[in-house]
Amino acid sequence: MAYRFPSTMVGGLTAGVEHRLRLEVTSCQCHLPQTISTFTSTSTEGAGGTDRSSIFWFNSREISFSACLTQMYFIHCFSVIESGIFVAMAFDRYIAICDPLRHSTILTNSMVFKIGLAVLLRGSLLVTPHPFLARWRPYCRTNIIPHTHCEHMAVVKLACADISPSSYYGLFVVFCVIGLDVFFIILSYIQILRAIFGLPTKDARLKTFGTCGSHLCAILAFYVSTILSSLIYRFGQNVAQHFHILTANVYLLVPPTLNPIIYGVRTKQIWNRLLHLFTHK
C-alpha cells in the first residue's frame, strides 16, 4: 500500500502547484481527479488501510465490531462518491466539447461546489443503512472475517439470521448507483462523439477525443473492478475464497493507484515539472 501514496501525491500535488497547467485545464477537470485520489486514499488508508497496515507492521489481526462497521461505512461511502465524481467529470467533458463557449459560465465555482455537495450527500445517505443492517443481526458463528477489510457482504455472511435484506439493499445500491451513473456517462459520451464526428478534420477529431482519454481509462479501471467484485461476492459461490479477496483488493487499491498516473501521463506540464523536481539541485 505504500506504493500508492507516492503516485497519488506526485500526480495530484504536481498538478495543483503547477500554475501553467491551470491555464490549460478546466477547473472541474483539474480538481475532481485530485478529489478522487483524496477520497479513495482516505477510504482505503484512513478507514480500511489502518487495519491492513497494522496487520503487516504489528501482526495485529483483530478489530472491534464498531470499528469494523465504521470501516465498512466509509469504504462503501467513498466508492459511491467516486462514482458520482465520474458522472460530474463526464458532464464537464460534455460542456467543454459540446458547448465550450459557455463552459465557464455553466461550471462556475458555485456550480462545482453544489455538484460536489450533491455527490457527497448521495454517497453518505445511500450507504448509511449498511452498518445498521449489519449491527441488527445476531452473530453466533465464527468471528473471523475471511477478508483484508470489513466488506459489507463478508461481514453479514457471518450472521446466523436471514441476510436477504442486506443482500437486496446492497444490490439496489450497486445497480441503482452504478447503473444510473454509467447511463449518464454513456449519454454524455454519445453527445460528445456526435460533436467530435461533426468536426471538419481528422486531426481535430483525434485531438478533441484525446482530451477524454484519461477520463475513459479511469472510468474503466473503477467500474470494471467494482462490478466484478460485487457480482463475484454475491453470485460466485463456487469461486475460490482467495479470488474473492483478490478482486476486492483490486477494487480498492488499483483505481486510486492508477488515477494520478492516468491523469498525469498525457500532460506535458506534469512531466516537465517532475523532471525539474528530480534534476534541479
Protein backbone atom coordinates (compact mmCIF):
# COMPACT_ATOMS: atom_id res chain seq x y z
CA MET A 1 0.00 0.00 0.00
CA ALA A 2 2.95 2.28 0.46
CA TYR A 3 3.45 2.45 -3.31
CA ARG A 4 0.09 4.14 -3.72
CA PHE A 5 0.77 7.31 -1.77
CA PRO A 6 3.81 8.45 -3.79
CA SER A 7 1.88 8.11 -7.04
CA THR A 8 -1.14 9.91 -5.59
CA MET A 9 0.87 12.73 -4.05
CA VAL A 10 3.11 13.25 -7.07
CA GLY A 11 0.26 13.13 -9.55
CA GLY A 12 -2.12 15.28 -7.52
CA LEU A 13 0.19 17.84 -5.97
CA THR A 14 2.19 18.41 -9.14
CA ALA A 15 -0.99 19.34 -10.97
CA GLY A 16 -2.00 21.57 -8.09
CA VAL A 17 1.22 23.56 -7.78
CA GLU A 18 1.97 23.91 -11.46
CA HIS A 19 0.46 27.29 -12.35
CA ARG A 20 0.84 26.86 -16.09
CA LEU A 21 -1.21 23.69 -16.01
CA ARG A 22 -4.18 25.59 -14.62
CA LEU A 23 -4.26 27.76 -17.72
CA GLU A 24 -4.99 24.77 -19.93
CA VAL A 25 -7.05 22.52 -17.69
CA THR A 26 -10.57 23.45 -16.68
CA SER A 27 -11.34 23.94 -13.02
CA CYS A 28 -13.61 20.92 -12.76
CA GLN A 29 -11.24 18.68 -14.65
CA CYS A 30 -8.28 19.78 -12.53
CA HIS A 31 -9.82 19.42 -9.08
CA LEU A 32 -12.01 16.36 -9.47
CA PRO A 33 -9.19 13.86 -10.22
CA GLN A 34 -7.41 15.12 -7.09
CA THR A 35 -10.66 14.67 -5.17
CA ILE A 36 -10.87 11.07 -6.40
CA SER A 37 -7.37 10.36 -5.15
CA THR A 38 -8.09 12.05 -1.81
CA PHE A 39 -11.40 10.27 -1.24
CA THR A 40 -10.16 6.82 -2.22
CA SER A 41 -6.93 7.21 -0.30
CA THR A 42 -8.88 8.29 2.77
CA SER A 43 -11.31 5.39 2.46
CA THR A 44 -8.72 2.68 1.91
CA GLU A 45 -5.94 4.04 4.09
CA GLY A 46 -7.85 6.02 6.73
CA ALA A 47 -10.85 3.75 7.10
CA GLY A 48 -9.51 0.47 5.81
CA GLY A 49 -5.79 0.83 5.39
CA THR A 50 -5.00 1.38 9.06
CA ASP A 51 -6.26 -2.10 9.82
CA ARG A 52 -4.32 -3.66 6.94
CA SER A 53 -1.15 -1.74 7.79
CA SER A 54 -1.34 -2.91 11.41
CA ILE A 55 -1.58 -6.49 10.13
CA PHE A 56 1.68 -6.16 8.22
CA TRP A 57 3.60 -4.00 10.69
CA PHE A 58 2.37 -5.15 14.11
CA ASN A 59 0.77 -8.53 13.34
CA SER A 60 -2.49 -7.14 14.73
CA ARG A 61 -5.31 -9.32 13.46
CA GLU A 62 -8.26 -8.05 15.46
CA ILE A 63 -10.71 -5.19 15.04
CA SER A 64 -13.68 -4.28 17.21
CA PHE A 65 -17.16 -4.70 15.78
CA SER A 66 -17.88 -0.95 15.94
CA ALA A 67 -14.61 -0.13 14.18
CA CYS A 68 -15.42 -2.77 11.57
CA LEU A 69 -18.82 -1.19 10.87
CA THR A 70 -17.21 2.25 10.66
CA GLN A 71 -14.65 0.92 8.20
CA MET A 72 -17.43 -0.70 6.17
CA TYR A 73 -19.38 2.56 6.00
CA PHE A 74 -16.52 4.74 4.81
CA ILE A 75 -15.21 2.29 2.23
CA HIS A 76 -18.62 1.94 0.55
CA CYS A 77 -19.49 5.60 1.05
CA PHE A 78 -16.39 6.82 -0.76
CA SER A 79 -16.94 4.30 -3.53
CA VAL A 80 -20.38 5.79 -4.23
CA ILE A 81 -18.87 9.29 -4.03
CA GLU A 82 -16.17 8.36 -6.53
CA SER A 83 -18.78 7.05 -8.94
CA GLY A 84 -20.66 10.35 -8.66
CA ILE A 85 -17.45 12.27 -9.35
CA PHE A 86 -17.01 10.37 -12.61
CA VAL A 87 -20.51 11.48 -13.65
CA ALA A 88 -19.60 15.08 -12.82
CA MET A 89 -16.44 14.77 -14.89
CA ALA A 90 -18.44 13.35 -17.81
CA PHE A 91 -20.73 16.38 -17.58
CA ASP A 92 -17.65 18.63 -17.53
CA ARG A 93 -16.32 16.97 -20.70
CA TYR A 94 -19.75 17.28 -22.33
CA ILE A 95 -19.92 21.02 -21.70
CA ALA A 96 -16.27 21.58 -22.66
CA ILE A 97 -16.67 19.84 -26.04
CA CYS A 98 -20.30 20.41 -26.98
CA ASP A 99 -20.71 23.95 -25.66
CA PRO A 100 -17.19 25.31 -24.98
CA LEU A 101 -18.14 29.00 -25.10
CA ARG A 102 -20.48 28.57 -22.14
CA HIS A 103 -18.25 26.27 -20.11
CA SER A 104 -17.00 28.93 -17.71
CA THR A 105 -20.50 30.37 -17.23
CA ILE A 106 -22.15 26.98 -16.59
CA LEU A 107 -19.48 25.33 -14.44
CA THR A 108 -18.83 28.20 -12.08
CA ASN A 109 -17.19 27.67 -8.71
CA SER A 110 -20.64 27.79 -7.15
CA MET A 111 -21.98 25.11 -9.51
CA VAL A 112 -18.96 22.86 -8.95
CA PHE A 113 -19.49 23.21 -5.19
CA LYS A 114 -23.19 22.28 -5.49
CA ILE A 115 -22.37 19.26 -7.63
CA GLY A 116 -19.73 18.15 -5.14
CA LEU A 117 -22.13 18.60 -2.23
CA ALA A 118 -24.85 16.58 -4.01
CA VAL A 119 -22.35 13.78 -4.72
CA LEU A 120 -21.22 13.79 -1.09
CA LEU A 121 -24.76 13.69 0.31
CA ARG A 122 -25.81 10.91 -2.05
CA GLY A 123 -22.90 8.73 -1.01
CA SER A 124 -23.41 9.41 2.69
CA LEU A 125 -27.14 8.71 2.70
CA LEU A 126 -27.24 5.65 0.43
CA VAL A 127 -24.61 3.75 2.41
CA THR A 128 -25.98 4.64 5.87
CA PRO A 129 -28.26 1.53 6.08
CA HIS A 130 -25.32 -0.86 5.58
CA PRO A 131 -23.83 -0.71 9.10
CA PHE A 132 -27.29 -0.64 10.73
CA LEU A 133 -28.44 -3.72 8.82
CA ALA A 134 -25.23 -5.48 9.83
CA ARG A 135 -25.47 -4.48 13.51
CA TRP A 136 -29.08 -5.61 13.95
CA ARG A 137 -28.26 -9.23 13.10
CA PRO A 138 -27.20 -11.86 15.65
CA TYR A 139 -23.74 -13.37 15.18
CA CYS A 140 -23.28 -16.87 16.56
CA ARG A 141 -20.76 -18.27 14.09
CA THR A 142 -17.07 -17.58 13.75
CA ASN A 143 -15.91 -14.01 14.26
CA ILE A 144 -13.18 -14.36 11.65
CA ILE A 145 -13.75 -12.28 8.53
CA PRO A 146 -12.11 -14.02 5.55
CA HIS A 147 -11.06 -10.69 4.12
CA THR A 148 -8.45 -7.95 4.40
CA HIS A 149 -11.09 -5.36 5.31
CA CYS A 150 -14.69 -5.19 6.55
CA GLU A 151 -16.51 -5.60 3.28
CA HIS A 152 -20.30 -5.46 3.65
CA MET A 153 -21.21 -8.94 2.41
CA ALA A 154 -18.17 -10.51 4.07
CA VAL A 155 -19.44 -9.27 7.45
CA VAL A 156 -23.15 -10.05 7.10
CA LYS A 157 -22.42 -13.58 5.87
CA LEU A 158 -21.16 -14.31 9.39
CA ALA A 159 -24.65 -13.69 10.81
CA CYS A 160 -26.83 -16.62 11.85
CA ALA A 161 -30.01 -14.94 10.59
CA ASP A 162 -31.53 -14.17 7.22
CA ILE A 163 -29.25 -11.76 5.35
CA SER A 164 -31.61 -11.20 2.41
CA PRO A 165 -32.39 -7.54 3.33
CA SER A 166 -28.68 -6.68 3.39
CA SER A 167 -28.05 -8.55 0.16
CA TYR A 168 -31.01 -6.98 -1.64
CA TYR A 169 -30.20 -3.48 -0.44
CA GLY A 170 -26.57 -3.95 -1.45
CA LEU A 171 -27.68 -4.98 -4.94
CA PHE A 172 -30.04 -1.99 -5.04
CA VAL A 173 -27.17 0.38 -4.27
CA VAL A 174 -24.87 -1.28 -6.80
CA PHE A 175 -27.32 -1.35 -9.69
CA CYS A 176 -29.09 1.91 -8.85
CA VAL A 177 -25.95 3.95 -8.31
CA ILE A 178 -23.65 2.32 -10.85
CA GLY A 179 -26.48 1.70 -13.33
CA LEU A 180 -27.64 5.32 -13.28
CA ASP A 181 -24.11 6.71 -13.24
CA VAL A 182 -22.99 4.56 -16.17
CA PHE A 183 -26.17 5.53 -18.04
CA PHE A 184 -25.47 9.25 -17.65
CA ILE A 185 -21.81 8.78 -18.54
CA ILE A 186 -22.75 6.88 -21.72
CA LEU A 187 -25.35 9.53 -22.56
CA SER A 188 -22.73 12.26 -22.17
CA TYR A 189 -20.25 10.45 -24.38
CA ILE A 190 -22.86 9.81 -27.07
CA GLN A 191 -23.32 13.57 -27.33
CA ILE A 192 -19.55 14.08 -27.16
CA LEU A 193 -18.95 11.62 -30.00
CA ARG A 194 -21.64 13.29 -32.10
CA ALA A 195 -19.88 16.62 -31.62
CA ILE A 196 -16.46 15.09 -32.37
CA PHE A 197 -17.59 13.41 -35.59
CA GLY A 198 -19.04 16.74 -36.66
CA LEU A 199 -15.58 18.36 -36.68
CA PRO A 200 -14.16 19.08 -40.14
CA THR A 201 -10.73 17.39 -39.95
CA LYS A 202 -9.37 14.09 -38.66
CA ASP A 203 -6.67 15.83 -36.62
CA ALA A 204 -9.27 17.98 -34.88
CA ARG A 205 -11.36 14.89 -34.07
CA LEU A 206 -8.38 12.98 -32.68
CA LYS A 207 -7.17 15.94 -30.62
CA THR A 208 -10.62 16.56 -29.15
CA PHE A 209 -11.22 12.89 -28.36
CA GLY A 210 -7.77 12.74 -26.77
CA THR A 211 -8.94 15.12 -24.06
CA CYS A 212 -11.37 12.39 -22.92
CA GLY A 213 -8.82 9.57 -22.90
CA SER A 214 -7.76 9.95 -19.27
CA HIS A 215 -11.36 10.09 -18.08
CA LEU A 216 -12.31 6.96 -20.03
CA CYS A 217 -9.32 5.00 -18.68
CA ALA A 218 -10.17 6.00 -15.09
CA ILE A 219 -13.82 5.01 -15.64
CA LEU A 220 -12.84 1.56 -16.91
CA ALA A 221 -10.40 0.99 -14.04
CA PHE A 222 -13.09 1.87 -11.48
CA TYR A 223 -16.30 0.34 -12.87
CA VAL A 224 -14.86 -2.93 -14.18
CA SER A 225 -13.26 -3.75 -10.82
CA THR A 226 -16.32 -2.56 -8.85
CA ILE A 227 -18.87 -4.57 -10.83
CA LEU A 228 -16.65 -7.65 -10.92
CA SER A 229 -16.04 -7.61 -7.16
CA SER A 230 -19.72 -7.06 -6.31
CA LEU A 231 -21.07 -9.77 -8.63
CA ILE A 232 -18.47 -12.35 -7.60
CA TYR A 233 -19.20 -11.81 -3.92
CA ARG A 234 -22.95 -12.24 -4.35
CA PHE A 235 -23.17 -14.92 -7.04
CA GLY A 236 -19.77 -16.60 -7.07
CA GLN A 237 -20.43 -19.31 -4.51
CA ASN A 238 -18.15 -21.71 -6.37
CA VAL A 239 -15.33 -19.17 -6.74
CA ALA A 240 -12.25 -19.75 -4.59
CA GLN A 241 -12.03 -17.59 -1.45
CA HIS A 242 -8.64 -16.17 -2.37
CA PHE A 243 -10.11 -14.92 -5.66
CA HIS A 244 -12.86 -13.10 -3.74
CA ILE A 245 -10.20 -11.38 -1.65
CA LEU A 246 -8.07 -10.59 -4.69
CA THR A 247 -10.91 -8.91 -6.62
CA ALA A 248 -11.96 -6.89 -3.56
CA ASN A 249 -8.40 -5.66 -3.03
CA VAL A 250 -8.05 -4.82 -6.72
CA TYR A 251 -11.29 -2.81 -6.49
CA LEU A 252 -9.95 -0.86 -3.50
CA LEU A 253 -6.30 -0.38 -4.44
CA VAL A 254 -5.91 -0.33 -8.24
CA PRO A 255 -8.16 2.62 -9.25
CA PRO A 256 -6.68 5.14 -6.75
CA THR A 257 -3.19 3.98 -7.71
CA LEU A 258 -3.82 4.43 -11.42
CA ASN A 259 -5.75 7.72 -11.23
CA PRO A 260 -2.76 10.09 -10.76
CA ILE A 261 -0.79 8.12 -13.36
CA ILE A 262 -3.66 8.19 -15.86
CA TYR A 263 -4.21 11.93 -15.46
CA GLY A 264 -0.53 12.76 -15.43
CA VAL A 265 0.94 10.58 -18.16
CA ARG A 266 -0.56 12.61 -21.03
CA THR A 267 0.17 16.02 -19.50
CA LYS A 268 3.41 17.58 -20.73
CA GLN A 269 3.48 20.17 -17.96
CA ILE A 270 3.45 17.46 -15.28
CA TRP A 271 6.31 15.63 -16.97
CA ASN A 272 8.31 18.85 -17.19
CA ARG A 273 7.57 19.65 -13.56
CA LEU A 274 8.63 16.18 -12.40
CA LEU A 275 11.78 16.37 -14.48
CA HIS A 276 12.56 19.74 -12.89
CA LEU A 277 11.95 18.38 -9.38
CA PHE A 278 14.26 15.39 -9.83
CA THR A 279 17.03 17.15 -11.76
CA HIS A 280 17.09 20.54 -10.06
CA LYS A 281 19.83 20.91 -7.47
